[in-house]
Amino acid sequence: MQTSLIKEGIKYTYDLFKDKSVKIIYLADRWFTNNELMKYIEDLGAIYCIRVKGNMIIYIYDYGEMLGKIKEIKGKEKEEQYYKKVLVTKNKYRTSMAVSKKEGHEEIIYVLTNGEVEKGITRYSYRFGSIECIFKNQKSNGFYLESTKVRNIQAFKTLFGLMCVSLLWLTLLGVEYTIKGNKNKIKIRWSRKRCGETERMFSLFNTGLIYFNLCFNSHNVPKITCRFILYEI
């Protein structure tokens, strides 16, 4: 059931962008590793970049056949490693793998991809600048979605949809406040000066959320913009 639901989500998002002449890339963390899902994405003509656990069995053919666990490949600081022909799991699914270890970090990142292996790590890293931030905003940093305890799937879909719209709107509200400044006597110290440069203290989403809460709890409520206007920032 879980795999079929994930496939449904993959197909839905694929159909949204398939006619727009763009590369569709699915980024996923270590729980996602599944030959069936990787093949499904590949059959759609899309790209996957999936971070995998070190205990996964792997066959490497780049330097002659070698069998072992991924964690046996030690990452090199300041140098990514690429394996263009590997077979993973007991089903021996064929793919490519990129390996990266940041300087000073003990943890090594292993990423499987069916795209250009040299871009695997860079593409996977996009998770941290957008996707992970959204996950955090959905949960402990904003809407506390995990605390709703909604069990009805239709009710959850409705709640999730409303939350996505609200997340976008609050982010745009934060952008507008940041660009236009305070004109409604609502003060938010969203930035500070450090070494002569402006440093953001709150994300755009959090700035919008703080602004909304201050307005909501104010007796002298300023006008809040409800237009969905995108700004270049």
Protein backbone atom coordinates (compact mmCIF):
# COMPACT_ATOMS: atom_id res chain seq x y z
CA MET A 1 0.00 0.00 0.00
CA GLN A 2 2.74 2.44 0.94
CA THR A 3 4.60 1.89 -2.35
CA SER A 4 1.40 2.35 -4.36
CA LEU A 5 0.64 5.63 -2.57
CA ILE A 6 4.17 6.91 -3.24
CA LYS A 7 3.82 5.94 -6.91
CA GLU A 8 0.54 7.83 -7.03
CA GLY A 9 2.28 10.92 -5.64
CA ILE A 10 5.20 10.57 -8.07
CA LYS A 11 2.86 10.23 -11.06
CA TYR A 12 0.76 13.18 -9.93
CA THR A 13 3.75 15.52 -9.65
CA TYR A 14 5.23 14.16 -12.89
CA ASP A 15 2.03 14.98 -14.79
CA LEU A 16 2.13 18.55 -13.48
CA PHE A 17 5.46 19.27 -15.19
CA LYS A 18 5.87 16.71 -17.99
CA ASP A 19 4.81 19.14 -20.74
CA LYS A 20 6.92 22.08 -19.57
CA SER A 21 10.28 21.11 -21.12
CA VAL A 22 12.02 20.79 -17.76
CA LYS A 23 14.07 18.09 -16.10
CA ILE A 24 11.99 16.39 -13.43
CA ILE A 25 14.19 15.25 -10.54
CA TYR A 26 13.00 13.40 -7.44
CA LEU A 27 15.11 13.86 -4.31
CA ALA A 28 14.71 11.46 -1.42
CA ASP A 29 16.33 10.48 1.84
CA ARG A 30 17.54 7.12 3.09
CA TRP A 31 14.14 5.55 3.82
CA PHE A 32 13.15 5.80 0.12
CA THR A 33 15.53 3.22 -1.31
CA ASN A 34 13.36 0.80 -3.23
CA ASN A 35 14.16 -0.83 -6.57
CA GLU A 36 10.52 -0.68 -7.64
CA LEU A 37 10.28 3.07 -7.02
CA MET A 38 13.62 3.83 -8.68
CA LYS A 39 12.55 1.86 -11.75
CA TYR A 40 9.17 3.58 -11.76
CA ILE A 41 10.80 7.02 -11.80
CA GLU A 42 13.24 5.95 -14.51
CA ASP A 43 10.47 4.48 -16.67
CA LEU A 44 8.66 7.83 -16.50
CA GLY A 45 11.75 9.45 -18.00
CA ALA A 46 12.53 11.37 -14.80
CA ILE A 47 15.67 11.46 -12.64
CA TYR A 48 16.11 10.34 -9.04
CA CYS A 49 18.80 11.30 -6.52
CA ILE A 50 18.42 9.17 -3.43
CA ARG A 51 20.67 9.17 -0.41
CA VAL A 52 21.25 5.61 0.83
CA LYS A 53 22.41 3.95 4.02
CA GLY A 54 25.90 2.57 4.38
CA ASN A 55 24.73 -0.98 5.12
CA MET A 56 23.28 -1.49 1.64
CA ILE A 57 24.85 -4.28 -0.41
CA ILE A 58 26.54 -3.03 -3.57
CA TYR A 59 28.36 -4.48 -6.56
CA ILE A 60 30.86 -2.09 -8.13
CA TYR A 61 32.11 -2.70 -11.67
CA ASP A 62 34.08 0.48 -12.24
CA TYR A 63 37.25 -1.23 -11.01
CA GLY A 64 36.33 -4.80 -11.71
CA GLU A 65 33.52 -6.61 -9.92
CA MET A 66 33.55 -5.96 -6.18
CA LEU A 67 30.94 -6.98 -3.62
CA GLY A 68 30.54 -5.31 -0.26
CA LYS A 69 28.61 -2.75 1.75
CA ILE A 70 28.46 0.87 0.68
CA LYS A 71 30.01 2.05 3.96
CA GLU A 72 33.22 0.26 3.00
CA ILE A 73 33.77 3.04 0.46
CA LYS A 74 35.55 5.74 2.44
CA GLY A 75 34.82 9.25 1.31
CA LYS A 76 37.62 11.63 0.44
CA GLU A 77 37.51 15.17 1.80
CA LYS A 78 37.39 17.88 -0.88
CA GLU A 79 36.94 15.22 -3.57
CA GLU A 80 33.75 13.54 -4.74
CA GLN A 81 33.88 9.98 -6.02
CA TYR A 82 31.77 8.64 -8.87
CA TYR A 83 30.80 5.08 -9.73
CA LYS A 84 28.95 4.92 -13.03
CA LYS A 85 28.07 1.25 -12.97
CA VAL A 86 26.88 -0.29 -9.72
CA LEU A 87 24.27 -2.88 -8.76
CA VAL A 88 22.47 -2.41 -5.44
CA THR A 89 20.37 -4.57 -3.10
CA LYS A 90 19.78 -8.28 -3.50
CA ASN A 91 17.84 -7.57 -6.71
CA LYS A 92 21.02 -6.07 -8.25
CA TYR A 93 19.35 -2.95 -9.55
CA ARG A 94 21.66 -1.08 -11.93
CA THR A 95 22.34 2.57 -11.23
CA SER A 96 25.17 5.06 -10.53
CA MET A 97 26.51 6.38 -7.26
CA ALA A 98 28.21 9.57 -6.07
CA VAL A 99 30.11 9.76 -2.77
CA SER A 100 30.92 12.92 -0.84
CA LYS A 101 32.49 13.78 2.52
CA LYS A 102 32.61 17.37 3.67
CA GLU A 103 35.79 18.55 5.30
CA GLY A 104 35.59 18.13 9.05
CA HIS A 105 32.45 15.96 8.91
CA GLU A 106 32.48 12.32 9.92
CA GLU A 107 29.33 11.39 8.00
CA ILE A 108 29.71 10.34 4.38
CA ILE A 109 26.95 10.98 1.84
CA TYR A 110 26.13 8.23 -0.66
CA VAL A 111 23.70 9.17 -3.44
CA LEU A 112 22.24 6.86 -6.08
CA THR A 113 21.13 8.48 -9.33
CA ASN A 114 20.09 7.52 -12.85
CA GLY A 115 21.13 10.94 -14.12
CA GLU A 116 24.55 12.49 -14.57
CA VAL A 117 26.46 11.01 -11.65
CA GLU A 118 28.75 14.06 -11.44
CA LYS A 119 25.68 16.18 -10.59
CA GLY A 120 24.21 13.72 -8.10
CA ILE A 121 25.50 15.34 -4.91
CA THR A 122 24.70 18.89 -6.04
CA ARG A 123 21.17 17.93 -7.02
CA TYR A 124 20.58 16.07 -3.77
CA SER A 125 21.82 19.09 -1.79
CA TYR A 126 18.82 21.10 -3.03
CA ARG A 127 16.81 19.27 -0.38
CA PHE A 128 18.40 21.32 2.37
CA GLY A 129 17.68 24.73 0.91
CA SER A 130 13.99 24.20 0.20
CA ILE A 131 12.42 20.81 0.92
CA GLU A 132 13.78 20.40 4.46
CA CYS A 133 12.79 23.98 5.28
CA ILE A 134 9.23 23.27 4.15
CA PHE A 135 9.11 20.06 6.21
CA LYS A 136 10.24 22.02 9.24
CA ASN A 137 7.65 24.74 8.61
CA GLN A 138 4.93 22.12 8.33
CA LYS A 139 5.91 20.69 11.71
CA SER A 140 7.71 22.15 14.72
CA ASN A 141 8.64 25.44 13.08
CA GLY A 142 5.13 26.49 12.12
CA PHE A 143 1.95 24.44 11.76
CA TYR A 144 2.64 21.43 14.03
CA LEU A 145 1.03 19.10 11.51
CA GLU A 146 2.20 16.03 13.44
CA SER A 147 0.13 17.11 16.46
CA THR A 148 -3.23 17.16 14.65
CA LYS A 149 -3.74 13.39 14.95
CA VAL A 150 -6.10 13.42 11.95
CA ARG A 151 -6.86 9.86 10.86
CA ASN A 152 -9.36 10.38 8.05
CA ILE A 153 -7.41 10.55 4.78
CA GLN A 154 -9.81 13.02 3.12
CA ALA A 155 -9.69 15.31 6.15
CA PHE A 156 -5.90 15.11 6.13
CA LYS A 157 -5.73 15.96 2.41
CA THR A 158 -7.93 19.00 3.00
CA LEU A 159 -5.87 20.10 5.98
CA PHE A 160 -2.60 19.54 4.11
CA GLY A 161 -3.87 21.52 1.11
CA LEU A 162 -4.88 24.46 3.30
CA MET A 163 -1.51 24.32 5.03
CA CYS A 164 0.38 24.44 1.71
CA VAL A 165 -1.58 27.51 0.60
CA SER A 166 -1.00 29.13 3.99
CA LEU A 167 2.72 28.34 3.85
CA LEU A 168 3.02 30.04 0.47
CA TRP A 169 0.97 33.05 1.56
CA LEU A 170 2.89 33.57 4.81
CA THR A 171 6.18 33.33 2.89
CA LEU A 172 4.98 36.00 0.43
CA LEU A 173 3.83 38.09 3.40
CA GLY A 174 7.34 37.79 4.86
CA VAL A 175 8.85 38.82 1.54
CA GLU A 176 6.60 41.87 1.30
CA TYR A 177 7.37 42.93 4.86
CA THR A 178 11.10 42.51 4.22
CA ILE A 179 11.03 44.55 0.99
CA LYS A 180 8.61 47.28 1.94
CA GLY A 181 9.56 47.55 5.59
CA ASN A 182 7.28 48.44 8.44
CA LYS A 183 4.47 50.83 7.50
CA ASN A 184 1.87 49.59 9.97
CA LYS A 185 3.61 50.10 13.32
CA ILE A 186 4.28 46.39 13.61
CA LYS A 187 7.94 45.94 14.51
CA ILE A 188 9.79 42.74 13.66
CA ARG A 189 13.54 42.58 14.05
CA TRP A 190 14.07 40.09 11.24
CA SER A 191 17.73 40.95 10.60
CA ARG A 192 20.87 42.19 12.30
CA LYS A 193 24.19 43.63 11.31
CA ARG A 194 27.28 41.43 11.53
CA CYS A 195 30.67 42.48 10.19
CA GLY A 196 29.00 45.27 8.25
CA GLU A 197 26.57 42.95 6.47
CA THR A 198 22.86 42.31 6.99
CA GLU A 199 22.17 38.84 8.38
CA ARG A 200 18.67 37.33 8.42
CA MET A 201 17.47 36.12 11.84
CA PHE A 202 14.19 34.61 10.65
CA SER A 203 13.24 32.88 7.42
CA LEU A 204 10.77 34.61 5.10
CA PHE A 205 8.10 32.15 6.26
CA ASN A 206 8.78 32.87 9.93
CA THR A 207 8.81 36.61 9.30
CA GLY A 208 5.37 36.31 7.69
CA LEU A 209 4.09 34.06 10.49
CA ILE A 210 5.32 36.45 13.21
CA TYR A 211 3.79 39.39 11.36
CA PHE A 212 0.44 37.59 11.00
CA ASN A 213 0.35 36.61 14.69
CA LEU A 214 1.19 40.15 15.80
CA CYS A 215 -1.60 41.52 13.62
CA PHE A 216 -4.03 38.83 14.74
CA ASN A 217 -3.44 39.64 18.40
CA SER A 218 -3.44 43.40 17.95
CA HIS A 219 -6.36 45.71 18.81
CA ASN A 220 -5.16 48.13 16.16
CA VAL A 221 -5.06 45.66 13.29
CA PRO A 222 -3.14 46.86 10.22
CA LYS A 223 -4.19 45.83 6.74
CA ILE A 224 -2.60 42.53 5.72
CA THR A 225 -1.92 41.98 2.03
CA CYS A 226 -3.79 38.97 0.68
CA ARG A 227 -2.57 39.18 -2.91
CA PHE A 228 -0.36 36.32 -4.05
CA ILE A 229 2.38 38.45 -5.57
CA LEU A 230 5.79 36.92 -6.21
CA TYR A 231 8.82 39.13 -5.72
CA GLU A 232 12.33 38.53 -6.95
CA ILE A 233 14.57 38.42 -3.87
